[in-house]
Amino acid sequence: MMKIKILNKLFVINILVLLKRIKTLLAPSFTVLFLGLSSLFPCQVFSSVFDLDTSALVGSTAGALSVEQGSANYAIPIIVPPGISGMKPELSIYYNSNSGNGLLGIGFKLGGSSAIYRCDKTIATDGMKGGVGYDDNDRYCLDGQRLIAIRGQEGKSGSEYRTEIDTFSRVKFTGNYWTVDTKSGQTFEYGNTGDSKIEVQGKSVVKLWVVNKITDASGNAIDYVYSEDHVNGEYTLSRINYSNNSVRFNYEDREDKAIAYQAGAKYSQTKRLKTITTYAENNLARSYNLEYQYSGTIPKRTQLVSLQEQIGDKYLPKMKFSWKRFGYVEPTRWHRYNTWKPPAVISSKMRIIDVTGDGLPDILQCASSSVTDCKSWINTGAGWRRNDAYKPKTIINGKGVRILDVNGNGLVDYLQCDTAGLAKLG
């Protein structure tokens, strides 16, 4: 038996994992490994343990632990019936300590699906920042990887792409759906069915294209079926069909509903995954049953508390997750930092705002009613440095002046109305 404990920014994992086979319940052996990462932030702790039952099947639900890019990860593979020529879905339930409250509660997600979606412009790739507007200025990503157009116009029929970190896959957009040809000879289709084309709520604009089919060189296929809630702007994976086998997903309503908006489009999360059931030619093969609780915090959030694998009418030992919340560690007094001493007298004539779009606050000041007296200091990350290339072109503290991002490119603009009521943009 292995006991693994990980302390991370948001979560601490204390995972107790049963070894591959239990030859006897009377003489268990333990190996302990401790990995610690300090944190000064509020944490939630869960521990995963097997609840042993002598009437249960001998064995355990498999899982694998890893630590990547500062995150604690734990993956539980979903075992599905074999497919022809090895064509079967690769599914998992996985935990990431930096993940929020998702389809399986805090930190947990369902792995194995894929999607192409609209994403932001970035300075590194596009030379400018820009949010999603559901128009021709949007850029596209495949499972977190930015797609770079190498042929045709971005987002137009016939355009071709490669992933920013090249995976040697050929990505094409037909104008209606996407295809991805991989180096292994498989072809992925995205959005080539009505249910796999997820639209912006109340509009005909597609916000993401989810995978609807995977085909190998011999024509063997895996088909994905989705359920879309047009009212709430939510979609869920409902079924996967392959080689006369299937995987079916069942959901339940949740109390900790979430609503978000992007460029006016509504995104909702009203469901959570309840069961995953696999069938071999319509015969029940295996199922995974999930149980939840709500956190005692405000706002309350879903927490996965157990996962039990069922094979036929027998059950493997239940994997349980217990949660504990740590409090804040707050500073007790103010500290003086001379490095960040303001370069000018703080007054109503000063504006602190990010003018370069690098996420750091810069300083603008117009000391008089003359624009020639305007100055700017750019934040270097270690202090402020005078740089008049960014000094205001108008009196920023004058009447009728507003500083905002008008065109959504991530950079500030000046909006001013003169005495005649006419607007000018600087």
Protein backbone atom coordinates (compact mmCIF):
# COMPACT_ATOMS: atom_id res chain seq x y z
CA MET A 1 0.00 0.00 0.00
CA MET A 2 1.37 3.41 -0.91
CA LYS A 3 0.64 6.62 0.92
CA ILE A 4 1.41 9.80 -1.00
CA LYS A 5 1.04 13.32 0.34
CA ILE A 6 1.46 16.47 -1.73
CA LEU A 7 1.16 20.07 -0.48
CA ASN A 8 0.40 22.52 -3.31
CA LYS A 9 -0.78 26.12 -3.79
CA LEU A 10 -4.45 25.35 -3.47
CA PHE A 11 -4.74 21.76 -2.44
CA VAL A 12 -2.98 19.13 -0.42
CA ILE A 13 -3.35 15.56 -1.59
CA ASN A 14 -3.02 12.71 0.85
CA ILE A 15 -3.62 9.68 -1.35
CA LEU A 16 -3.69 6.17 0.04
CA VAL A 17 -3.45 3.72 -2.85
CA LEU A 18 -3.86 -0.05 -2.61
CA LEU A 19 -1.22 -2.11 -4.48
CA LYS A 20 -2.09 -4.02 -7.65
CA ARG A 21 -3.25 -7.15 -5.88
CA ILE A 22 -4.10 -7.92 -2.26
CA LYS A 23 -2.85 -11.43 -1.54
CA THR A 24 -3.85 -11.20 2.10
CA LEU A 25 -5.66 -8.67 4.24
CA LEU A 26 -3.75 -9.76 7.32
CA ALA A 27 -0.24 -8.72 6.34
CA PRO A 28 -0.35 -5.46 4.33
CA SER A 29 2.91 -3.68 3.58
CA PHE A 30 3.29 0.07 3.31
CA THR A 31 5.66 2.38 1.52
CA VAL A 32 5.49 6.05 2.44
CA LEU A 33 6.56 8.91 0.20
CA PHE A 34 6.23 12.55 1.23
CA LEU A 35 6.51 15.46 -1.15
CA GLY A 36 6.02 18.99 0.25
CA LEU A 37 5.41 22.30 -1.49
CA SER A 38 4.82 25.30 0.78
CA SER A 39 1.81 27.58 0.47
CA LEU A 40 0.53 30.71 2.13
CA PHE A 41 -2.85 30.53 0.47
CA PRO A 42 -6.16 29.04 1.69
CA CYS A 43 -6.03 25.33 0.96
CA GLN A 44 -8.39 22.43 0.72
CA VAL A 45 -7.13 18.97 1.50
CA PHE A 46 -8.44 15.70 0.22
CA SER A 47 -7.18 12.24 0.99
CA SER A 48 -7.97 9.22 -1.15
CA VAL A 49 -8.38 5.90 0.67
CA PHE A 50 -9.83 2.53 -0.17
CA ASP A 51 -12.74 1.43 1.98
CA LEU A 52 -12.08 -2.33 2.19
CA ASP A 53 -15.03 -4.69 2.17
CA THR A 54 -14.47 -8.46 2.39
CA SER A 55 -17.47 -9.04 0.11
CA ALA A 56 -15.95 -6.87 -2.61
CA LEU A 57 -13.78 -8.00 -5.50
CA VAL A 58 -10.10 -8.50 -4.74
CA GLY A 59 -8.17 -5.66 -6.37
CA SER A 60 -8.46 -1.91 -6.63
CA THR A 61 -9.25 0.94 -8.97
CA ALA A 62 -6.02 1.96 -10.66
CA GLY A 63 -4.55 5.45 -10.39
CA ALA A 64 -1.32 7.29 -11.18
CA LEU A 65 0.25 10.31 -9.47
CA SER A 66 2.47 12.95 -11.07
CA VAL A 67 3.72 16.46 -10.35
CA GLU A 68 4.04 18.77 -13.36
CA GLN A 69 4.56 22.54 -13.63
CA GLY A 70 3.85 23.02 -9.94
CA SER A 71 0.57 21.09 -10.01
CA ALA A 72 -0.28 17.83 -8.30
CA ASN A 73 -2.01 15.45 -10.73
CA TYR A 74 -3.78 12.16 -10.12
CA ALA A 75 -5.30 10.17 -13.01
CA ILE A 76 -7.78 7.30 -12.78
CA PRO A 77 -8.11 5.47 -16.13
CA ILE A 78 -11.58 4.47 -17.30
CA ILE A 79 -11.40 0.88 -18.57
CA VAL A 80 -13.53 0.32 -21.70
CA PRO A 81 -14.16 -2.79 -23.84
CA PRO A 82 -11.58 -3.32 -26.61
CA GLY A 83 -12.27 -2.08 -30.12
CA ILE A 84 -11.33 -3.34 -33.58
CA SER A 85 -7.63 -2.75 -34.34
CA GLY A 86 -7.25 -1.08 -30.97
CA MET A 87 -9.73 1.70 -31.81
CA LYS A 88 -11.31 2.61 -28.48
CA PRO A 89 -11.74 5.87 -26.51
CA GLU A 90 -9.00 6.78 -24.04
CA LEU A 91 -10.85 8.16 -21.01
CA SER A 92 -9.84 9.09 -17.49
CA ILE A 93 -10.92 10.97 -14.40
CA TYR A 94 -8.06 13.20 -13.37
CA TYR A 95 -7.29 15.67 -10.62
CA ASN A 96 -5.21 18.84 -11.00
CA SER A 97 -4.55 20.93 -7.90
CA ASN A 98 -4.81 24.16 -9.91
CA SER A 99 -8.21 23.35 -11.45
CA GLY A 100 -11.40 25.05 -10.36
CA ASN A 101 -14.93 23.79 -9.77
CA GLY A 102 -15.76 21.78 -12.88
CA LEU A 103 -17.90 18.92 -14.14
CA LEU A 104 -16.66 16.63 -11.34
CA GLY A 105 -16.30 19.28 -8.65
CA ILE A 106 -13.19 21.00 -7.35
CA GLY A 107 -10.02 19.92 -9.13
CA PHE A 108 -11.44 16.88 -10.96
CA LYS A 109 -12.15 16.63 -14.69
CA LEU A 110 -13.12 14.09 -17.32
CA GLY A 111 -10.24 13.46 -19.70
CA GLY A 112 -10.45 11.99 -23.19
CA SER A 113 -12.54 14.43 -25.20
CA SER A 114 -11.14 17.06 -27.55
CA ALA A 115 -12.26 20.41 -28.96
CA ILE A 116 -11.30 23.29 -31.22
CA TYR A 117 -12.43 26.65 -29.89
CA ARG A 118 -12.02 30.38 -30.33
CA CYS A 119 -9.19 31.88 -28.28
CA ASP A 120 -7.43 35.20 -27.63
CA LYS A 121 -4.73 36.91 -29.62
CA THR A 122 -1.42 37.14 -27.78
CA ILE A 123 1.50 39.53 -28.02
CA ALA A 124 3.95 36.64 -28.46
CA THR A 125 2.13 35.17 -31.46
CA ASP A 126 0.13 38.06 -32.94
CA GLY A 127 2.03 41.13 -31.78
CA MET A 128 -1.04 42.34 -29.90
CA LYS A 129 -3.54 41.26 -27.29
CA GLY A 130 -7.15 40.69 -28.19
CA GLY A 131 -10.11 38.92 -26.67
CA VAL A 132 -12.68 36.66 -28.30
CA GLY A 133 -15.33 38.62 -30.17
CA TYR A 134 -17.00 35.79 -32.13
CA ASP A 135 -15.95 37.39 -35.39
CA ASP A 136 -13.25 37.14 -38.07
CA ASN A 137 -10.64 38.58 -35.68
CA ASP A 138 -10.75 35.53 -33.40
CA ARG A 139 -7.97 32.99 -33.26
CA TYR A 140 -8.35 29.23 -32.74
CA CYS A 141 -6.94 26.64 -30.32
CA LEU A 142 -6.93 22.84 -30.24
CA ASP A 143 -6.98 21.43 -26.70
CA GLY A 144 -5.00 24.40 -25.36
CA GLN A 145 -2.58 24.52 -28.31
CA ARG A 146 -2.76 27.63 -30.48
CA LEU A 147 -3.41 26.91 -34.16
CA ILE A 148 -1.17 28.82 -36.59
CA ALA A 149 -2.56 29.41 -40.10
CA ILE A 150 -0.09 28.34 -42.81
CA ARG A 151 -2.46 28.52 -45.77
CA GLY A 152 -5.59 30.56 -46.49
CA GLN A 153 -7.31 33.18 -44.35
CA GLU A 154 -7.78 32.60 -40.62
CA GLY A 155 -11.19 31.04 -39.92
CA LYS A 156 -12.17 30.80 -43.59
CA SER A 157 -13.03 27.75 -45.69
CA GLY A 158 -9.95 25.97 -47.01
CA SER A 159 -7.57 27.38 -44.40
CA GLU A 160 -4.87 25.06 -43.05
CA TYR A 161 -3.07 25.14 -39.70
CA ARG A 162 -0.34 23.62 -37.58
CA THR A 163 -0.18 23.60 -33.78
CA GLU A 164 2.14 26.24 -32.31
CA ILE A 165 4.27 23.49 -30.77
CA ASP A 166 4.30 21.27 -33.83
CA THR A 167 2.71 17.85 -33.29
CA PHE A 168 2.98 17.08 -37.04
CA SER A 169 -0.80 17.08 -37.39
CA ARG A 170 -2.49 18.72 -40.38
CA VAL A 171 -5.49 20.82 -39.34
CA LYS A 172 -8.01 22.03 -41.94
CA PHE A 173 -11.20 24.08 -41.75
CA THR A 174 -13.88 23.37 -44.35
CA GLY A 175 -15.96 26.41 -43.45
CA ASN A 176 -18.41 24.23 -41.55
CA TYR A 177 -16.27 21.76 -39.58
CA TRP A 178 -12.62 20.90 -38.87
CA THR A 179 -10.46 17.87 -39.67
CA VAL A 180 -7.18 16.89 -38.03
CA ASP A 181 -4.94 14.30 -39.71
CA THR A 182 -2.40 12.89 -37.27
CA LYS A 183 0.99 11.34 -37.98
CA SER A 184 -0.38 8.01 -36.71
CA GLY A 185 -2.84 7.89 -39.62
CA GLN A 186 -5.97 8.79 -37.68
CA THR A 187 -8.42 11.49 -38.78
CA PHE A 188 -10.35 13.53 -36.20
CA GLU A 189 -13.54 15.39 -37.16
CA TYR A 190 -14.72 18.38 -35.11
CA GLY A 191 -18.21 19.84 -35.45
CA ASN A 192 -19.36 17.69 -38.38
CA THR A 193 -22.64 16.84 -36.64
CA GLY A 194 -25.30 19.17 -35.29
CA ASP A 195 -24.72 18.21 -31.66
CA SER A 196 -20.91 18.66 -31.88
CA LYS A 197 -21.17 22.23 -33.13
CA ILE A 198 -21.71 24.27 -29.94
CA GLU A 199 -23.20 27.68 -30.67
CA VAL A 200 -23.24 30.95 -28.78
CA GLN A 201 -26.45 31.22 -26.78
CA GLY A 202 -29.19 32.83 -28.86
CA LYS A 203 -26.98 33.10 -31.97
CA SER A 204 -25.91 30.99 -34.92
CA VAL A 205 -22.22 31.68 -34.29
CA VAL A 206 -20.24 28.57 -33.29
CA LYS A 207 -18.11 29.02 -30.16
CA LEU A 208 -16.46 25.60 -30.20
CA TRP A 209 -16.30 22.48 -32.31
CA VAL A 210 -16.02 19.26 -30.28
CA VAL A 211 -14.73 15.97 -31.68
CA ASN A 212 -17.52 13.91 -33.25
CA LYS A 213 -15.55 11.12 -34.96
CA ILE A 214 -12.11 9.50 -34.97
CA THR A 215 -11.29 7.20 -37.91
CA ASP A 216 -8.21 5.06 -38.53
CA ALA A 217 -6.66 4.14 -41.89
CA SER A 218 -8.84 1.01 -42.10
CA GLY A 219 -12.08 2.90 -41.58
CA ASN A 220 -12.67 1.83 -37.97
CA ALA A 221 -14.39 4.69 -36.15
CA ILE A 222 -15.23 6.10 -32.74
CA ASP A 223 -18.33 8.33 -32.67
CA TYR A 224 -19.07 10.94 -29.98
CA VAL A 225 -22.60 12.11 -29.15
CA TYR A 226 -23.39 15.27 -27.15
CA SER A 227 -26.33 16.90 -25.43
CA GLU A 228 -26.63 20.68 -25.70
CA ASP A 229 -28.70 22.97 -23.48
CA HIS A 230 -29.35 26.03 -25.64
CA VAL A 231 -31.12 27.89 -22.83
CA ASN A 232 -28.22 27.71 -20.38
CA GLY A 233 -25.39 27.65 -22.90
CA GLU A 234 -24.14 24.27 -21.66
CA TYR A 235 -23.18 21.00 -23.34
CA THR A 236 -22.22 17.54 -22.06
CA LEU A 237 -20.77 14.37 -23.59
CA SER A 238 -23.59 11.81 -23.48
CA ARG A 239 -22.33 8.75 -25.38
CA ILE A 240 -19.38 7.24 -27.27
CA ASN A 241 -20.03 4.45 -29.82
CA TYR A 242 -17.38 2.15 -31.34
CA SER A 243 -17.14 -1.47 -32.63
CA ASN A 244 -20.68 -2.30 -31.36
CA ASN A 245 -19.56 -1.12 -27.92
CA SER A 246 -20.44 2.08 -26.09
CA VAL A 247 -19.63 4.33 -23.15
CA ARG A 248 -22.55 6.24 -21.63
CA PHE A 249 -22.49 9.24 -19.31
CA ASN A 250 -25.17 10.17 -16.81
CA TYR A 251 -25.42 13.57 -15.08
CA GLU A 252 -27.31 15.11 -12.20
CA ASP A 253 -28.31 18.66 -11.26
CA ARG A 254 -26.05 20.58 -8.91
CA GLU A 255 -26.76 23.35 -6.42
CA ASP A 256 -23.49 25.22 -7.02
CA LYS A 257 -24.48 26.40 -10.47
CA ALA A 258 -22.06 28.75 -12.22
CA ILE A 259 -22.66 31.36 -14.92
CA ALA A 260 -19.99 33.21 -16.90
CA TYR A 261 -19.96 35.48 -19.94
CA GLN A 262 -17.49 35.95 -22.78
CA ALA A 263 -18.08 38.76 -25.26
CA GLY A 264 -21.74 38.72 -24.26
CA ALA A 265 -22.10 34.94 -24.67
CA LYS A 266 -23.43 33.01 -21.69
CA TYR A 267 -21.70 29.92 -20.33
CA SER A 268 -23.41 27.85 -17.63
CA GLN A 269 -22.53 24.88 -15.48
CA THR A 270 -25.66 23.29 -14.00
CA LYS A 271 -24.77 19.57 -14.18
CA ARG A 272 -22.17 17.26 -12.71
CA LEU A 273 -21.13 13.77 -13.79
CA LYS A 274 -22.86 10.98 -11.85
CA THR A 275 -21.97 7.69 -13.59
CA ILE A 276 -19.86 6.35 -16.45
CA THR A 277 -21.12 3.03 -17.81
CA THR A 278 -19.47 0.85 -20.46
CA TYR A 279 -21.20 -1.75 -22.63
CA ALA A 280 -19.87 -4.57 -24.82
CA GLU A 281 -22.49 -5.25 -27.51
CA ASN A 282 -25.24 -3.86 -25.24
CA ASN A 283 -24.13 -6.02 -22.31
CA LEU A 284 -23.10 -4.13 -19.18
CA ALA A 285 -19.34 -4.40 -18.78
CA ARG A 286 -18.25 -1.91 -16.14
CA SER A 287 -19.45 1.26 -14.44
CA TYR A 288 -17.95 4.04 -12.34
CA ASN A 289 -20.20 5.62 -9.72
CA LEU A 290 -19.39 9.05 -8.31
CA GLU A 291 -20.60 10.57 -5.04
CA TYR A 292 -20.32 14.21 -4.00
CA GLN A 293 -20.73 16.57 -1.09
CA TYR A 294 -20.83 20.35 -0.83
CA SER A 295 -18.04 22.27 0.84
CA GLY A 296 -18.80 24.08 4.07
CA THR A 297 -17.47 27.31 2.60
CA ILE A 298 -19.34 30.25 1.11
CA PRO A 299 -19.94 29.95 -1.76
CA LYS A 300 -20.37 26.21 -1.44
CA ARG A 301 -18.70 24.07 -4.06
CA THR A 302 -18.98 20.46 -5.20
CA GLN A 303 -16.40 18.03 -3.80
CA LEU A 304 -15.94 14.48 -5.07
CA VAL A 305 -16.01 12.19 -2.01
CA SER A 306 -15.98 8.71 -3.53
CA LEU A 307 -15.55 6.71 -6.72
CA GLN A 308 -16.54 3.06 -6.94
CA GLU A 309 -15.89 0.75 -9.85
CA GLN A 310 -18.48 -1.93 -10.60
CA ILE A 311 -17.78 -5.03 -12.73
CA GLY A 312 -20.99 -6.91 -13.45
CA ASP A 313 -22.72 -7.25 -10.08
CA LYS A 314 -19.47 -7.04 -8.10
CA TYR A 315 -17.81 -3.93 -6.68
CA LEU A 316 -14.18 -3.00 -6.23
CA PRO A 317 -13.28 -1.29 -2.94
CA LYS A 318 -14.58 2.25 -2.86
CA MET A 319 -11.98 4.99 -3.33
CA LYS A 320 -12.85 7.77 -0.87
CA PHE A 321 -11.72 11.39 -0.87
CA SER A 322 -11.87 13.41 2.36
CA TRP A 323 -11.49 17.18 2.31
CA LYS A 324 -10.12 19.66 4.81
CA ARG A 325 -9.84 23.42 4.49
CA PHE A 326 -7.00 25.51 5.85
CA GLY A 327 -7.49 29.17 6.79
CA TYR A 328 -5.75 32.26 5.48
CA VAL A 329 -2.28 33.21 6.60
CA GLU A 330 -2.51 37.00 6.48
CA PRO A 331 0.22 39.61 6.97
CA THR A 332 -0.06 41.35 10.35
CA ARG A 333 1.30 44.75 9.33
CA TRP A 334 2.41 46.93 6.41
CA HIS A 335 5.96 46.62 5.05
CA ARG A 336 7.94 49.38 3.39
CA TYR A 337 9.51 48.70 -0.03
CA ASN A 338 11.76 51.49 -1.26
CA THR A 339 12.08 49.82 -4.68
CA TRP A 340 8.48 50.71 -5.39
CA LYS A 341 8.66 54.33 -4.27
CA PRO A 342 6.39 56.35 -6.60
CA PRO A 343 8.40 58.48 -9.05
CA ALA A 344 6.00 61.42 -8.67
CA VAL A 345 3.73 62.92 -6.05
CA ILE A 346 0.53 60.89 -5.85
CA SER A 347 -2.37 63.23 -6.56
CA SER A 348 -5.57 63.47 -8.52
CA LYS A 349 -3.45 64.37 -11.54
CA MET A 350 -1.87 60.91 -11.57
CA ARG A 351 -3.32 57.75 -13.09
CA ILE A 352 -2.02 54.26 -12.28
CA ILE A 353 -2.90 51.99 -15.19
CA ASP A 354 -1.32 49.30 -17.37
CA VAL A 355 -0.53 51.12 -20.63
CA THR A 356 1.82 48.51 -22.13
CA GLY A 357 -0.47 45.51 -21.72
CA ASP A 358 2.11 43.46 -19.80
CA GLY A 359 -0.03 43.10 -16.68
CA LEU A 360 2.04 45.54 -14.57
CA PRO A 361 0.69 48.92 -13.35
CA ASP A 362 2.30 51.96 -15.00
CA ILE A 363 2.05 55.63 -14.00
CA LEU A 364 0.74 58.55 -16.06
CA GLN A 365 0.71 62.16 -14.88
CA CYS A 366 -0.26 65.51 -16.32
CA ALA A 367 0.93 68.08 -13.78
CA SER A 368 -0.79 71.06 -15.43
CA SER A 369 -3.40 71.90 -18.03
CA SER A 370 -0.76 71.65 -20.78
CA VAL A 371 -0.18 68.33 -22.54
CA THR A 372 3.53 69.17 -22.66
CA ASP A 373 3.64 68.56 -18.90
CA CYS A 374 2.38 64.98 -19.27
CA LYS A 375 4.81 62.21 -18.32
CA SER A 376 4.82 58.43 -18.12
CA TRP A 377 6.70 55.85 -16.05
CA ILE A 378 6.73 52.21 -17.15
CA ASN A 379 6.78 49.35 -14.66
CA THR A 380 9.85 47.14 -15.21
CA GLY A 381 8.91 44.58 -12.60
CA ALA A 382 11.55 45.98 -10.25
CA GLY A 383 10.43 49.61 -10.16
CA TRP A 384 9.22 52.41 -12.47
CA ARG A 385 11.31 53.85 -15.32
CA ARG A 386 10.60 57.12 -17.14
CA ASN A 387 9.53 56.49 -20.74
CA ASP A 388 7.77 59.36 -22.49
CA ALA A 389 6.98 57.19 -25.50
CA TYR A 390 3.84 56.31 -23.56
CA LYS A 391 3.02 59.77 -22.24
CA PRO A 392 -0.62 60.81 -22.70
CA LYS A 393 -1.65 62.66 -25.85
CA THR A 394 -4.37 64.46 -23.93
CA ILE A 395 -4.87 65.78 -20.40
CA ILE A 396 -5.88 62.54 -18.68
CA ASN A 397 -7.35 64.33 -15.67
CA GLY A 398 -9.34 66.78 -17.80
CA LYS A 399 -13.11 66.88 -17.98
CA GLY A 400 -14.79 64.36 -20.24
CA VAL A 401 -11.72 62.10 -20.46
CA ARG A 402 -12.07 58.38 -19.93
CA ILE A 403 -9.34 55.74 -20.14
CA LEU A 404 -10.56 52.34 -21.34
CA ASP A 405 -9.90 49.58 -23.86
CA VAL A 406 -12.25 50.55 -26.68
CA ASN A 407 -11.30 48.00 -29.33
CA GLY A 408 -10.59 45.03 -27.05
CA ASN A 409 -6.92 44.63 -28.00
CA GLY A 410 -5.74 44.66 -24.38
CA LEU A 411 -4.26 48.18 -24.60
CA VAL A 412 -5.71 51.39 -23.13
CA ASP A 413 -7.31 54.09 -25.28
CA TYR A 414 -8.32 57.68 -24.43
CA LEU A 415 -11.90 58.74 -25.02
CA GLN A 416 -12.66 62.46 -24.76
CA CYS A 417 -15.75 64.54 -25.37
CA ASP A 418 -15.18 68.24 -26.12
CA THR A 419 -17.48 71.12 -25.21
CA ALA A 420 -19.47 70.60 -28.39
CA GLY A 421 -20.28 67.05 -27.33
CA LEU A 422 -18.11 65.47 -30.02
CA ALA A 423 -16.14 62.35 -29.10
CA LYS A 424 -12.48 61.93 -29.99
CA LEU A 425 -10.42 58.77 -29.63
CA GLY A 426 -6.69 58.91 -28.84
